């Protein structure tokens, strides 16, 4: 049943207006269903994500949402040119160089939105 159904992520925001500016100005995304206290975005292959108003935003310490891309390095360069700052990590088994981690499983890069949500780009080998 669920394996053939599109999925939608839900991200918290303390300030939906500020988040909306980030997703538009930094990521180039326009809302498809704006409302006062939340906003819906549509990405590739029918995927969607909702940003909603809550005081709980920014409390997660894990990746909350990510985009699969065919070229992480290209996308990191493009997003950096728009002012996105990529995280640097140095954990056992995972170290980024210039914002990008390379493993047998692929390449990945992480950044934060204005609400403290950890977002990622991922490229399969």
PDB file of N, CA and C in Angstrom:
ATOM      1  N   UNK A   1       0.814  -1.185   0.000  1.00  0.00           N
ATOM      2  CA  UNK A   1       0.000   0.000   0.000  1.00  0.00           C
ATOM      3  C   UNK A   1       0.867   1.263   0.000  1.00  0.00           C
ATOM      4  N   UNK A   2       1.705   1.471   1.016  1.00  0.00           N
ATOM      5  CA  UNK A   2       2.465   2.713   1.130  1.00  0.00           C
ATOM      6  C   UNK A   2       3.658   2.789   0.196  1.00  0.00           C
ATOM      7  N   UNK A   3       4.163   1.648  -0.268  1.00  0.00           N
ATOM      8  CA  UNK A   3       5.370   1.674  -1.096  1.00  0.00           C
ATOM      9  C   UNK A   3       5.175   2.406  -2.418  1.00  0.00           C
ATOM     10  N   UNK A   4       3.961   2.553  -2.873  1.00  0.00           N
ATOM     11  CA  UNK A   4       3.688   3.244  -4.131  1.00  0.00           C
ATOM     12  C   UNK A   4       3.044   4.613  -3.931  1.00  0.00           C
ATOM     13  N   UNK A   5       3.076   5.104  -2.712  1.00  0.00           N
ATOM     14  CA  UNK A   5       2.437   6.373  -2.384  1.00  0.00           C
ATOM     15  C   UNK A   5       3.499   7.442  -2.142  1.00  0.00           C
ATOM     16  N   UNK A   6       3.276   8.632  -2.690  1.00  0.00           N
ATOM     17  CA  UNK A   6       4.216   9.742  -2.468  1.00  0.00           C
ATOM     18  C   UNK A   6       4.279  10.067  -0.981  1.00  0.00           C
ATOM     19  N   UNK A   7       5.423  10.577  -0.561  1.00  0.00           N
ATOM     20  CA  UNK A   7       5.629  10.911   0.843  1.00  0.00           C
ATOM     21  C   UNK A   7       5.768  12.423   0.996  1.00  0.00           C
ATOM     22  N   UNK A   8       5.357  12.926   2.144  1.00  0.00           N
ATOM     23  CA  UNK A   8       5.484  14.357   2.430  1.00  0.00           C
ATOM     24  C   UNK A   8       6.155  14.529   3.783  1.00  0.00           C
ATOM     25  N   UNK A   9       7.156  15.387   3.839  1.00  0.00           N
ATOM     26  CA  UNK A   9       7.838  15.691   5.098  1.00  0.00           C
ATOM     27  C   UNK A   9       7.135  16.866   5.775  1.00  0.00           C
ATOM     28  N   UNK A  10       7.324  16.972   7.082  1.00  0.00           N
ATOM     29  CA  UNK A  10       6.745  18.062   7.863  1.00  0.00           C
ATOM     30  C   UNK A  10       7.861  18.670   8.709  1.00  0.00           C
ATOM     31  N   UNK A  11       8.101  19.967   8.528  1.00  0.00           N
ATOM     32  CA  UNK A  11       9.175  20.660   9.235  1.00  0.00           C
ATOM     33  C   UNK A  11       8.614  21.755  10.134  1.00  0.00           C
ATOM     34  N   UNK A  12       9.125  21.865  11.356  1.00  0.00           N
ATOM     35  CA  UNK A  12       8.672  22.914  12.259  1.00  0.00           C
ATOM     36  C   UNK A  12       9.370  24.252  11.987  1.00  0.00           C
ATOM     37  N   UNK A  13       8.682  25.332  12.292  1.00  0.00           N
ATOM     38  CA  UNK A  13       9.259  26.679  12.159  1.00  0.00           C
ATOM     39  C   UNK A  13       8.723  27.567  13.276  1.00  0.00           C
ATOM     40  N   UNK A  14       9.614  28.290  13.917  1.00  0.00           N
ATOM     41  CA  UNK A  14       9.162  29.295  14.894  1.00  0.00           C
ATOM     42  C   UNK A  14       8.585  30.503  14.172  1.00  0.00           C
ATOM     43  N   UNK A  15       9.103  30.777  12.977  1.00  0.00           N
ATOM     44  CA  UNK A  15       8.662  31.933  12.195  1.00  0.00           C
ATOM     45  C   UNK A  15       8.464  31.485  10.745  1.00  0.00           C
ATOM     46  N   UNK A  16       7.228  31.184  10.381  1.00  0.00           N
ATOM     47  CA  UNK A  16       6.928  30.674   9.038  1.00  0.00           C
ATOM     48  C   UNK A  16       7.299  31.694   7.967  1.00  0.00           C
ATOM     49  N   UNK A  17       7.090  32.960   8.220  1.00  0.00           N
ATOM     50  CA  UNK A  17       7.431  33.996   7.245  1.00  0.00           C
ATOM     51  C   UNK A  17       8.934  34.010   6.968  1.00  0.00           C
ATOM     52  N   UNK A  18       9.740  33.917   8.010  1.00  0.00           N
ATOM     53  CA  UNK A  18      11.200  33.871   7.860  1.00  0.00           C
ATOM     54  C   UNK A  18      11.613  32.619   7.096  1.00  0.00           C
ATOM     55  N   UNK A  19      11.004  31.484   7.428  1.00  0.00           N
ATOM     56  CA  UNK A  19      11.307  30.233   6.733  1.00  0.00           C
ATOM     57  C   UNK A  19      10.924  30.331   5.258  1.00  0.00           C
ATOM     58  N   UNK A  20       9.778  30.922   4.982  1.00  0.00           N
ATOM     59  CA  UNK A  20       9.316  31.091   3.602  1.00  0.00           C
ATOM     60  C   UNK A  20      10.327  31.907   2.794  1.00  0.00           C
ATOM     61  N   UNK A  21      10.864  32.968   3.388  1.00  0.00           N
ATOM     62  CA  UNK A  21      11.894  33.770   2.717  1.00  0.00           C
ATOM     63  C   UNK A  21      13.131  32.931   2.419  1.00  0.00           C
ATOM     64  N   UNK A  22      13.556  32.098   3.377  1.00  0.00           N
ATOM     65  CA  UNK A  22      14.726  31.239   3.182  1.00  0.00           C
ATOM     66  C   UNK A  22      14.499  30.271   2.024  1.00  0.00           C
ATOM     67  N   UNK A  23      13.378  29.578   2.035  1.00  0.00           N
ATOM     68  CA  UNK A  23      13.119  28.582   0.994  1.00  0.00           C
ATOM     69  C   UNK A  23      12.980  29.230  -0.382  1.00  0.00           C
ATOM     70  N   UNK A  24      12.481  30.442  -0.445  1.00  0.00           N
ATOM     71  CA  UNK A  24      12.384  31.156  -1.719  1.00  0.00           C
ATOM     72  C   UNK A  24      13.741  31.710  -2.145  1.00  0.00           C
ATOM     73  N   UNK A  25      14.368  32.503  -1.264  1.00  0.00           N
ATOM     74  CA  UNK A  25      15.581  33.230  -1.638  1.00  0.00           C
ATOM     75  C   UNK A  25      16.814  32.343  -1.729  1.00  0.00           C
ATOM     76  N   UNK A  26      16.956  31.386  -0.843  1.00  0.00           N
ATOM     77  CA  UNK A  26      18.152  30.539  -0.805  1.00  0.00           C
ATOM     78  C   UNK A  26      18.002  29.262  -1.623  1.00  0.00           C
ATOM     79  N   UNK A  27      16.805  28.654  -1.590  1.00  0.00           N
ATOM     80  CA  UNK A  27      16.624  27.370  -2.270  1.00  0.00           C
ATOM     81  C   UNK A  27      15.841  27.478  -3.570  1.00  0.00           C
ATOM     82  N   UNK A  28      15.261  28.634  -3.849  1.00  0.00           N
ATOM     83  CA  UNK A  28      14.539  28.831  -5.103  1.00  0.00           C
ATOM     84  C   UNK A  28      13.188  28.142  -5.158  1.00  0.00           C
ATOM     85  N   UNK A  29      12.573  27.899  -4.006  1.00  0.00           N
ATOM     86  CA  UNK A  29      11.291  27.197  -3.949  1.00  0.00           C
ATOM     87  C   UNK A  29      10.151  28.172  -3.686  1.00  0.00           C
ATOM     88  N   UNK A  30       9.059  27.981  -4.387  1.00  0.00           N
ATOM     89  CA  UNK A  30       7.858  28.789  -4.180  1.00  0.00           C
ATOM     90  C   UNK A  30       6.779  27.911  -3.560  1.00  0.00           C
ATOM     91  N   UNK A  31       6.019  28.443  -2.624  1.00  0.00           N
ATOM     92  CA  UNK A  31       4.960  27.652  -1.999  1.00  0.00           C
ATOM     93  C   UNK A  31       3.848  27.320  -2.989  1.00  0.00           C
ATOM     94  N   UNK A  32       3.256  26.147  -2.805  1.00  0.00           N
ATOM     95  CA  UNK A  32       2.116  25.764  -3.635  1.00  0.00           C
ATOM     96  C   UNK A  32       0.806  25.948  -2.884  1.00  0.00           C
ATOM     97  N   UNK A  33       0.865  25.940  -1.560  1.00  0.00           N
ATOM     98  CA  UNK A  33      -0.339  26.120  -0.744  1.00  0.00           C
ATOM     99  C   UNK A  33      -0.009  26.979   0.477  1.00  0.00           C
ATOM    100  N   UNK A  34       0.178  28.274   0.287  1.00  0.00           N
ATOM    101  CA  UNK A  34       0.501  29.112   1.445  1.00  0.00           C
ATOM    102  C   UNK A  34      -0.724  29.345   2.328  1.00  0.00           C
ATOM    103  N   UNK A  35      -0.468  29.465   3.613  1.00  0.00           N
ATOM    104  CA  UNK A  35      -1.493  29.826   4.596  1.00  0.00           C
ATOM    105  C   UNK A  35      -0.808  30.705   5.640  1.00  0.00           C
ATOM    106  N   UNK A  36      -1.543  31.190   6.606  1.00  0.00           N
ATOM    107  CA  UNK A  36      -0.960  32.080   7.607  1.00  0.00           C
ATOM    108  C   UNK A  36       0.060  31.392   8.502  1.00  0.00           C
ATOM    109  N   UNK A  37      -0.236  30.175   8.937  1.00  0.00           N
ATOM    110  CA  UNK A  37       0.635  29.513   9.906  1.00  0.00           C
ATOM    111  C   UNK A  37       1.352  28.286   9.358  1.00  0.00           C
ATOM    112  N   UNK A  38       1.279  28.067   8.044  1.00  0.00           N
ATOM    113  CA  UNK A  38       2.029  26.972   7.425  1.00  0.00           C
ATOM    114  C   UNK A  38       2.162  27.234   5.935  1.00  0.00           C
ATOM    115  N   UNK A  39       3.050  26.480   5.308  1.00  0.00           N
ATOM    116  CA  UNK A  39       3.265  26.628   3.869  1.00  0.00           C
ATOM    117  C   UNK A  39       3.706  25.283   3.301  1.00  0.00           C
ATOM    118  N   UNK A  40       3.135  24.914   2.149  1.00  0.00           N
ATOM    119  CA  UNK A  40       3.441  23.643   1.493  1.00  0.00           C
ATOM    120  C   UNK A  40       4.293  23.917   0.255  1.00  0.00           C
ATOM    121  N   UNK A  41       5.318  23.068   0.072  1.00  0.00           N
ATOM    122  CA  UNK A  41       6.181  23.142  -1.106  1.00  0.00           C
ATOM    123  C   UNK A  41       6.107  21.823  -1.850  1.00  0.00           C
ATOM    124  N   UNK A  42       6.299  21.889  -3.162  1.00  0.00           N
ATOM    125  CA  UNK A  42       6.318  20.691  -3.981  1.00  0.00           C
ATOM    126  C   UNK A  42       7.675  20.606  -4.655  1.00  0.00           C
ATOM    127  N   UNK A  43       8.255  19.408  -4.616  1.00  0.00           N
ATOM    128  CA  UNK A  43       9.547  19.175  -5.261  1.00  0.00           C
ATOM    129  C   UNK A  43       9.366  18.064  -6.296  1.00  0.00           C
ATOM    130  N   UNK A  44      10.439  17.430  -6.715  1.00  0.00           N
ATOM    131  CA  UNK A  44      10.378  16.435  -7.769  1.00  0.00           C
ATOM    132  C   UNK A  44       9.607  15.179  -7.414  1.00  0.00           C
ATOM    133  N   UNK A  45       9.114  14.513  -8.440  1.00  0.00           N
ATOM    134  CA  UNK A  45       8.451  13.213  -8.332  1.00  0.00           C
ATOM    135  C   UNK A  45       7.258  13.216  -7.392  1.00  0.00           C
ATOM    136  N   UNK A  46       6.569  14.336  -7.296  1.00  0.00           N
ATOM    137  CA  UNK A  46       5.376  14.407  -6.464  1.00  0.00           C
ATOM    138  C   UNK A  46       5.635  14.525  -4.977  1.00  0.00           C
ATOM    139  N   UNK A  47       6.899  14.742  -4.594  1.00  0.00           N
ATOM    140  CA  UNK A  47       7.194  14.895  -3.170  1.00  0.00           C
ATOM    141  C   UNK A  47       6.808  16.294  -2.713  1.00  0.00           C
ATOM    142  N   UNK A  48       6.434  16.377  -1.445  1.00  0.00           N
ATOM    143  CA  UNK A  48       6.024  17.651  -0.872  1.00  0.00           C
ATOM    144  C   UNK A  48       6.581  17.764   0.532  1.00  0.00           C
ATOM    145  N   UNK A  49       6.665  18.999   1.005  1.00  0.00           N
ATOM    146  CA  UNK A  49       6.950  19.193   2.418  1.00  0.00           C
ATOM    147  C   UNK A  49       6.198  20.411   2.926  1.00  0.00           C
ATOM    148  N   UNK A  50       5.810  20.309   4.189  1.00  0.00           N
ATOM    149  CA  UNK A  50       5.052  21.348   4.861  1.00  0.00           C
ATOM    150  C   UNK A  50       5.932  21.986   5.924  1.00  0.00           C
ATOM    151  N   UNK A  51       5.922  23.298   5.990  1.00  0.00           N
ATOM    152  CA  UNK A  51       6.574  24.034   7.075  1.00  0.00           C
ATOM    153  C   UNK A  51       5.443  24.632   7.901  1.00  0.00           C
ATOM    154  N   UNK A  52       5.416  24.306   9.198  1.00  0.00           N
ATOM    155  CA  UNK A  52       4.315  24.756  10.047  1.00  0.00           C
ATOM    156  C   UNK A  52       4.824  25.495  11.284  1.00  0.00           C
ATOM    157  N   UNK A  53       4.005  26.375  11.790  1.00  0.00           N
ATOM    158  CA  UNK A  53       4.336  27.216  12.942  1.00  0.00           C
ATOM    159  C   UNK A  53       4.285  26.421  14.245  1.00  0.00           C
ATOM    160  N   UNK A  54       5.376  26.467  15.032  1.00  0.00           N
ATOM    161  CA  UNK A  54       5.415  25.848  16.349  1.00  0.00           C
ATOM    162  C   UNK A  54       6.594  26.408  17.135  1.00  0.00           C
ATOM    163  N   UNK A  55       6.493  26.401  18.426  1.00  0.00           N
ATOM    164  CA  UNK A  55       7.605  26.820  19.283  1.00  0.00           C
ATOM    165  C   UNK A  55       8.655  25.720  19.429  1.00  0.00           C
ATOM    166  N   UNK A  56       8.381  24.516  18.941  1.00  0.00           N
ATOM    167  CA  UNK A  56       9.305  23.382  19.074  1.00  0.00           C
ATOM    168  C   UNK A  56      10.371  23.334  17.985  1.00  0.00           C
ATOM    169  N   UNK A  57      10.386  24.270  17.089  1.00  0.00           N
ATOM    170  CA  UNK A  57      11.336  24.253  15.971  1.00  0.00           C
ATOM    171  C   UNK A  57      12.773  24.324  16.463  1.00  0.00           C
ATOM    172  N   UNK A  58      13.654  23.667  15.710  1.00  0.00           N
ATOM    173  CA  UNK A  58      15.080  23.742  15.984  1.00  0.00           C
ATOM    174  C   UNK A  58      15.573  22.813  17.069  1.00  0.00           C
ATOM    175  N   UNK A  59      14.737  21.916  17.558  1.00  0.00           N
ATOM    176  CA  UNK A  59      15.145  21.039  18.655  1.00  0.00           C
ATOM    177  C   UNK A  59      15.713  19.702  18.185  1.00  0.00           C
ATOM    178  N   UNK A  60      15.476  19.311  16.941  1.00  0.00           N
ATOM    179  CA  UNK A  60      15.990  18.029  16.431  1.00  0.00           C
ATOM    180  C   UNK A  60      17.488  18.132  16.165  1.00  0.00           C
ATOM    181  N   UNK A  61      18.206  17.069  16.431  1.00  0.00           N
ATOM    182  CA  UNK A  61      19.657  17.023  16.220  1.00  0.00           C
ATOM    183  C   UNK A  61      20.026  16.079  15.076  1.00  0.00           C
ATOM    184  N   UNK A  62      19.056  15.726  14.265  1.00  0.00           N
ATOM    185  CA  UNK A  62      19.269  14.791  13.164  1.00  0.00           C
ATOM    186  C   UNK A  62      18.775  15.412  11.854  1.00  0.00           C
ATOM    187  N   UNK A  63      19.179  14.818  10.752  1.00  0.00           N
ATOM    188  CA  UNK A  63      18.695  15.264   9.451  1.00  0.00           C
ATOM    189  C   UNK A  63      17.185  15.069   9.406  1.00  0.00           C
ATOM    190  N   UNK A  64      16.478  16.114   9.034  1.00  0.00           N
ATOM    191  CA  UNK A  64      15.025  16.042   9.010  1.00  0.00           C
ATOM    192  C   UNK A  64      14.454  15.861   7.614  1.00  0.00           C
ATOM    193  N   UNK A  65      15.214  16.250   6.611  1.00  0.00           N
ATOM    194  CA  UNK A  65      14.727  16.122   5.247  1.00  0.00           C
ATOM    195  C   UNK A  65      15.914  16.271   4.309  1.00  0.00           C
ATOM    196  N   UNK A  66      15.861  15.613   3.158  1.00  0.00           N
ATOM    197  CA  UNK A  66      16.944  15.740   2.204  1.00  0.00           C
ATOM    198  C   UNK A  66      16.480  15.571   0.772  1.00  0.00           C
ATOM    199  N   UNK A  67      17.272  16.108  -0.123  1.00  0.00           N
ATOM    200  CA  UNK A  67      17.030  15.985  -1.550  1.00  0.00           C
ATOM    201  C   UNK A  67      18.057  15.032  -2.147  1.00  0.00           C
ATOM    202  N   UNK A  68      17.610  14.138  -3.014  1.00  0.00           N
ATOM    203  CA  UNK A  68      18.506  13.262  -3.764  1.00  0.00           C
ATOM    204  C   UNK A  68      18.843  13.996  -5.055  1.00  0.00           C
ATOM    205  N   UNK A  69      20.135  14.105  -5.341  1.00  0.00           N
ATOM    206  CA  UNK A  69      20.605  14.850  -6.503  1.00  0.00           C
ATOM    207  C   UNK A  69      21.566  13.995  -7.318  1.00  0.00           C
ATOM    208  N   UNK A  70      21.795  14.377  -8.549  1.00  0.00           N
ATOM    209  CA  UNK A  70      22.773  13.650  -9.365  1.00  0.00           C
ATOM    210  C   UNK A  70      24.158  14.282  -9.289  1.00  0.00           C
ATOM    211  N   UNK A  71      24.297  15.418  -8.586  1.00  0.00           N
ATOM    212  CA  UNK A  71      25.595  16.080  -8.479  1.00  0.00           C
ATOM    213  C   UNK A  71      25.631  16.977  -7.236  1.00  0.00           C
ATOM    214  N   UNK A  72      26.055  16.417  -6.119  1.00  0.00           N
ATOM    215  CA  UNK A  72      26.114  17.174  -4.865  1.00  0.00           C
ATOM    216  C   UNK A  72      27.046  18.370  -4.990  1.00  0.00           C
ATOM    217  N   UNK A  73      28.210  18.182  -5.589  1.00  0.00           N
ATOM    218  CA  UNK A  73      29.184  19.274  -5.680  1.00  0.00           C
ATOM    219  C   UNK A  73      28.612  20.468  -6.437  1.00  0.00           C
ATOM    220  N   UNK A  74      27.932  20.225  -7.526  1.00  0.00           N
ATOM    221  CA  UNK A  74      27.299  21.302  -8.305  1.00  0.00           C
ATOM    222  C   UNK A  74      26.258  22.029  -7.457  1.00  0.00           C
ATOM    223  N   UNK A  75      25.420  21.254  -6.770  1.00  0.00           N
ATOM    224  CA  UNK A  75      24.346  21.859  -5.984  1.00  0.00           C
ATOM    225  C   UNK A  75      24.879  22.621  -4.774  1.00  0.00           C
ATOM    226  N   UNK A  76      25.941  22.122  -4.153  1.00  0.00           N
ATOM    227  CA  UNK A  76      26.562  22.847  -3.040  1.00  0.00           C
ATOM    228  C   UNK A  76      27.095  24.190  -3.544  1.00  0.00           C
ATOM    229  N   UNK A  77      27.783  24.182  -4.688  1.00  0.00           N
ATOM    230  CA  UNK A  77      28.291  25.441  -5.258  1.00  0.00           C
ATOM    231  C   UNK A  77      27.148  26.428  -5.515  1.00  0.00           C
ATOM    232  N   UNK A  78      26.078  25.944  -6.129  1.00  0.00           N
ATOM    233  CA  UNK A  78      24.935  26.808  -6.451  1.00  0.00           C
ATOM    234  C   UNK A  78      24.294  27.377  -5.186  1.00  0.00           C
ATOM    235  N   UNK A  79      24.066  26.522  -4.204  1.00  0.00           N
ATOM    236  CA  UNK A  79      23.430  26.996  -2.972  1.00  0.00           C
ATOM    237  C   UNK A  79      24.346  27.933  -2.193  1.00  0.00           C
ATOM    238  N   UNK A  80      25.632  27.658  -2.203  1.00  0.00           N
ATOM    239  CA  UNK A  80      26.575  28.589  -1.551  1.00  0.00           C
ATOM    240  C   UNK A  80      26.521  29.961  -2.210  1.00  0.00           C
ATOM    241  N   UNK A  81      26.380  29.986  -3.528  1.00  0.00           N
ATOM    242  CA  UNK A  81      26.309  31.272  -4.231  1.00  0.00           C
ATOM    243  C   UNK A  81      25.064  32.060  -3.825  1.00  0.00           C
ATOM    244  N   UNK A  82      24.071  31.369  -3.272  1.00  0.00           N
ATOM    245  CA  UNK A  82      22.839  32.011  -2.790  1.00  0.00           C
ATOM    246  C   UNK A  82      22.903  32.314  -1.297  1.00  0.00           C
ATOM    247  N   UNK A  83      24.029  31.971  -0.663  1.00  0.00           N
ATOM    248  CA  UNK A  83      24.200  32.282   0.750  1.00  0.00           C
ATOM    249  C   UNK A  83      23.948  31.144   1.720  1.00  0.00           C
ATOM    250  N   UNK A  84      23.723  29.932   1.216  1.00  0.00           N
ATOM    251  CA  UNK A  84      23.529  28.779   2.102  1.00  0.00           C
ATOM    252  C   UNK A  84      24.881  28.376   2.678  1.00  0.00           C
ATOM    253  N   UNK A  85      24.922  28.122   3.980  1.00  0.00           N
ATOM    254  CA  UNK A  85      26.145  27.718   4.675  1.00  0.00           C
ATOM    255  C   UNK A  85      26.052  26.227   4.976  1.00  0.00           C
ATOM    256  N   UNK A  86      27.053  25.476   4.539  1.00  0.00           N
ATOM    257  CA  UNK A  86      27.065  24.029   4.756  1.00  0.00           C
ATOM    258  C   UNK A  86      27.827  23.681   6.023  1.00  0.00           C
ATOM    259  N   UNK A  87      27.338  22.659   6.701  1.00  0.00           N
ATOM    260  CA  UNK A  87      27.909  22.203   7.959  1.00  0.00           C
ATOM    261  C   UNK A  87      29.184  21.409   7.705  1.00  0.00           C
ATOM    262  N   UNK A  88      30.087  21.449   8.654  1.00  0.00           N
ATOM    263  CA  UNK A  88      31.283  20.607   8.635  1.00  0.00           C
ATOM    264  C   UNK A  88      31.165  19.625   9.794  1.00  0.00           C
ATOM    265  N   UNK A  89      31.331  18.329   9.503  1.00  0.00           N
ATOM    266  CA  UNK A  89      31.232  17.284  10.520  1.00  0.00           C
ATOM    267  C   UNK A  89      32.513  16.471  10.550  1.00  0.00           C
ATOM    268  N   UNK A  90      32.858  15.998  11.723  1.00  0.00           N
ATOM    269  CA  UNK A  90      34.000  15.096  11.902  1.00  0.00           C
ATOM    270  C   UNK A  90      33.617  14.093  12.985  1.00  0.00           C
ATOM    271  N   UNK A  91      32.897  13.055  12.561  1.00  0.00           N
ATOM    272  CA  UNK A  91      32.451  11.986  13.446  1.00  0.00           C
ATOM    273  C   UNK A  91      33.191  10.711  13.071  1.00  0.00           C
ATOM    274  N   UNK A  92      33.248   9.729  13.954  1.00  0.00           N
ATOM    275  CA  UNK A  92      33.808   8.430  13.551  1.00  0.00           C
ATOM    276  C   UNK A  92      33.029   7.885  12.345  1.00  0.00           C
ATOM    277  N   UNK A  93      33.719   7.646  11.262  1.00  0.00           N
ATOM    278  CA  UNK A  93      33.096   7.115  10.055  1.00  0.00           C
ATOM    279  C   UNK A  93      32.479   8.146   9.132  1.00  0.00           C
ATOM    280  N   UNK A  94      32.515   9.426   9.504  1.00  0.00           N
ATOM    281  CA  UNK A  94      31.936  10.465   8.655  1.00  0.00           C
ATOM    282  C   UNK A  94      32.673  11.781   8.874  1.00  0.00           C
ATOM    283  N   UNK A  95      33.314  12.247   7.811  1.00  0.00           N
ATOM    284  CA  UNK A  95      34.018  13.529   7.873  1.00  0.00           C
ATOM    285  C   UNK A  95      33.725  14.288   6.585  1.00  0.00           C
ATOM    286  N   UNK A  96      33.336  15.533   6.738  1.00  0.00           N
ATOM    287  CA  UNK A  96      33.104  16.360   5.558  1.00  0.00           C
ATOM    288  C   UNK A  96      34.388  17.087   5.179  1.00  0.00           C
ATOM    289  N   UNK A  97      34.535  17.329   3.901  1.00  0.00           N
ATOM    290  CA  UNK A  97      35.608  18.166   3.376  1.00  0.00           C
ATOM    291  C   UNK A  97      34.950  19.193   2.476  1.00  0.00           C
ATOM    292  N   UNK A  98      35.138  20.457   2.819  1.00  0.00           N
ATOM    293  CA  UNK A  98      34.479  21.544   2.096  1.00  0.00           C
ATOM    294  C   UNK A  98      32.958  21.346   2.083  1.00  0.00           C
ATOM    295  N   UNK A  99      32.430  20.812   3.200  1.00  0.00           N
ATOM    296  CA  UNK A  99      30.991  20.655   3.346  1.00  0.00           C
ATOM    297  C   UNK A  99      30.399  19.379   2.796  1.00  0.00           C
ATOM    298  N   UNK A 100      31.229  18.509   2.202  1.00  0.00           N
ATOM    299  CA  UNK A 100      30.715  17.294   1.562  1.00  0.00           C
ATOM    300  C   UNK A 100      31.381  16.064   2.161  1.00  0.00           C
ATOM    301  N   UNK A 101      30.565  15.083   2.544  1.00  0.00           N
ATOM    302  CA  UNK A 101      31.066  13.794   3.018  1.00  0.00           C
ATOM    303  C   UNK A 101      30.992  12.804   1.866  1.00  0.00           C
ATOM    304  N   UNK A 102      32.059  12.026   1.692  1.00  0.00           N
ATOM    305  CA  UNK A 102      32.091  10.994   0.663  1.00  0.00           C
ATOM    306  C   UNK A 102      32.280   9.647   1.341  1.00  0.00           C
ATOM    307  N   UNK A 103      31.336   8.735   1.102  1.00  0.00           N
ATOM    308  CA  UNK A 103      31.407   7.385   1.661  1.00  0.00           C
ATOM    309  C   UNK A 103      31.132   6.385   0.547  1.00  0.00           C
ATOM    310  N   UNK A 104      31.216   5.104   0.870  1.00  0.00           N
ATOM    311  CA  UNK A 104      30.876   4.080  -0.117  1.00  0.00           C
ATOM    312  C   UNK A 104      29.420   4.206  -0.557  1.00  0.00           C
ATOM    313  N   UNK A 105      28.579   4.768   0.313  1.00  0.00           N
ATOM    314  CA  UNK A 105      27.155   4.917   0.011  1.00  0.00           C
ATOM    315  C   UNK A 105      26.812   6.127  -0.828  1.00  0.00           C
ATOM    316  N   UNK A 106      27.784   7.017  -1.055  1.00  0.00           N
ATOM    317  CA  UNK A 106      27.532   8.201  -1.866  1.00  0.00           C
ATOM    318  C   UNK A 106      28.128   9.452  -1.252  1.00  0.00           C
ATOM    319  N   UNK A 107      27.685  10.584  -1.726  1.00  0.00           N
ATOM    320  CA  UNK A 107      28.139  11.884  -1.225  1.00  0.00           C
ATOM    321  C   UNK A 107      26.955  12.595  -0.578  1.00  0.00           C
ATOM    322  N   UNK A 108      27.247  13.341   0.491  1.00  0.00           N
ATOM    323  CA  UNK A 108      26.182  14.067   1.182  1.00  0.00           C
ATOM    324  C   UNK A 108      26.706  15.387   1.726  1.00  0.00           C
ATOM    325  N   UNK A 109      25.801  16.337   1.856  1.00  0.00           N
ATOM    326  CA  UNK A 109      26.108  17.644   2.433  1.00  0.00           C
ATOM    327  C   UNK A 109      24.898  18.089   3.246  1.00  0.00           C
ATOM    328  N   UNK A 110      25.165  18.804   4.346  1.00  0.00           N
ATOM    329  CA  UNK A 110      24.105  19.223   5.259  1.00  0.00           C
ATOM    330  C   UNK A 110      24.142  20.725   5.477  1.00  0.00           C
ATOM    331  N   UNK A 111      22.962  21.309   5.657  1.00  0.00           N
ATOM    332  CA  UNK A 111      22.839  22.727   5.971  1.00  0.00           C
ATOM    333  C   UNK A 111      21.601  22.931   6.836  1.00  0.00           C
ATOM    334  N   UNK A 112      21.548  24.085   7.488  1.00  0.00           N
ATOM    335  CA  UNK A 112      20.411  24.425   8.336  1.00  0.00           C
ATOM    336  C   UNK A 112      19.538  25.462   7.646  1.00  0.00           C
ATOM    337  N   UNK A 113      18.230  25.346   7.852  1.00  0.00           N
ATOM    338  CA  UNK A 113      17.364  26.439   7.430  1.00  0.00           C
ATOM    339  C   UNK A 113      17.312  27.480   8.555  1.00  0.00           C
ATOM    340  N   UNK A 114      16.559  28.517   8.383  1.00  0.00           N
ATOM    341  CA  UNK A 114      16.492  29.588   9.384  1.00  0.00           C
ATOM    342  C   UNK A 114      15.860  29.143  10.694  1.00  0.00           C
ATOM    343  N   UNK A 115      15.192  27.998  10.680  1.00  0.00           N
ATOM    344  CA  UNK A 115      14.486  27.508  11.864  1.00  0.00           C
ATOM    345  C   UNK A 115      15.259  26.433  12.607  1.00  0.00           C
ATOM    346  N   UNK A 116      16.490  26.163  12.160  1.00  0.00           N
ATOM    347  CA  UNK A 116      17.328  25.162  12.813  1.00  0.00           C
ATOM    348  C   UNK A 116      17.105  23.745  12.332  1.00  0.00           C
ATOM    349  N   UNK A 117      16.310  23.559  11.282  1.00  0.00           N
ATOM    350  CA  UNK A 117      16.106  22.225  10.716  1.00  0.00           C
ATOM    351  C   UNK A 117      17.339  21.812   9.929  1.00  0.00           C
ATOM    352  N   UNK A 118      17.790  20.585  10.136  1.00  0.00           N
ATOM    353  CA  UNK A 118      18.951  20.062   9.419  1.00  0.00           C
ATOM    354  C   UNK A 118      18.458  19.431   8.126  1.00  0.00           C
ATOM    355  N   UNK A 119      18.928  19.970   7.009  1.00  0.00           N
ATOM    356  CA  UNK A 119      18.534  19.521   5.678  1.00  0.00           C
ATOM    357  C   UNK A 119      19.755  18.975   4.964  1.00  0.00           C
ATOM    358  N   UNK A 120      19.536  18.124   3.959  1.00  0.00           N
ATOM    359  CA  UNK A 120      20.688  17.514   3.291  1.00  0.00           C
ATOM    360  C   UNK A 120      20.493  17.406   1.788  1.00  0.00           C
ATOM    361  N   UNK A 121      21.622  17.221   1.137  1.00  0.00           N
ATOM    362  CA  UNK A 121      21.688  16.832  -0.269  1.00  0.00           C
ATOM    363  C   UNK A 121      22.393  15.488  -0.295  1.00  0.00           C
ATOM    364  N   UNK A 122      21.931  14.573  -1.140  1.00  0.00           N
ATOM    365  CA  UNK A 122      22.533  13.242  -1.202  1.00  0.00           C
ATOM    366  C   UNK A 122      22.659  12.797  -2.648  1.00  0.00           C
ATOM    367  N   UNK A 123      23.833  12.272  -2.984  1.00  0.00           N
ATOM    368  CA  UNK A 123      24.111  11.739  -4.329  1.00  0.00           C
ATOM    369  C   UNK A 123      24.504  10.279  -4.194  1.00  0.00           C
ATOM    370  N   UNK A 124      23.787   9.418  -4.874  1.00  0.00           N
ATOM    371  CA  UNK A 124      24.118   7.988  -4.866  1.00  0.00           C
ATOM    372  C   UNK A 124      25.309   7.740  -5.788  1.00  0.00           C
ATOM    373  N   UNK A 125      26.100   6.702  -5.472  1.00  0.00           N
ATOM    374  CA  UNK A 125      27.262   6.420  -6.348  1.00  0.00           C
ATOM    375  C   UNK A 125      26.830   5.953  -7.733  1.00  0.00           C
TER     376      UNK A 125
END
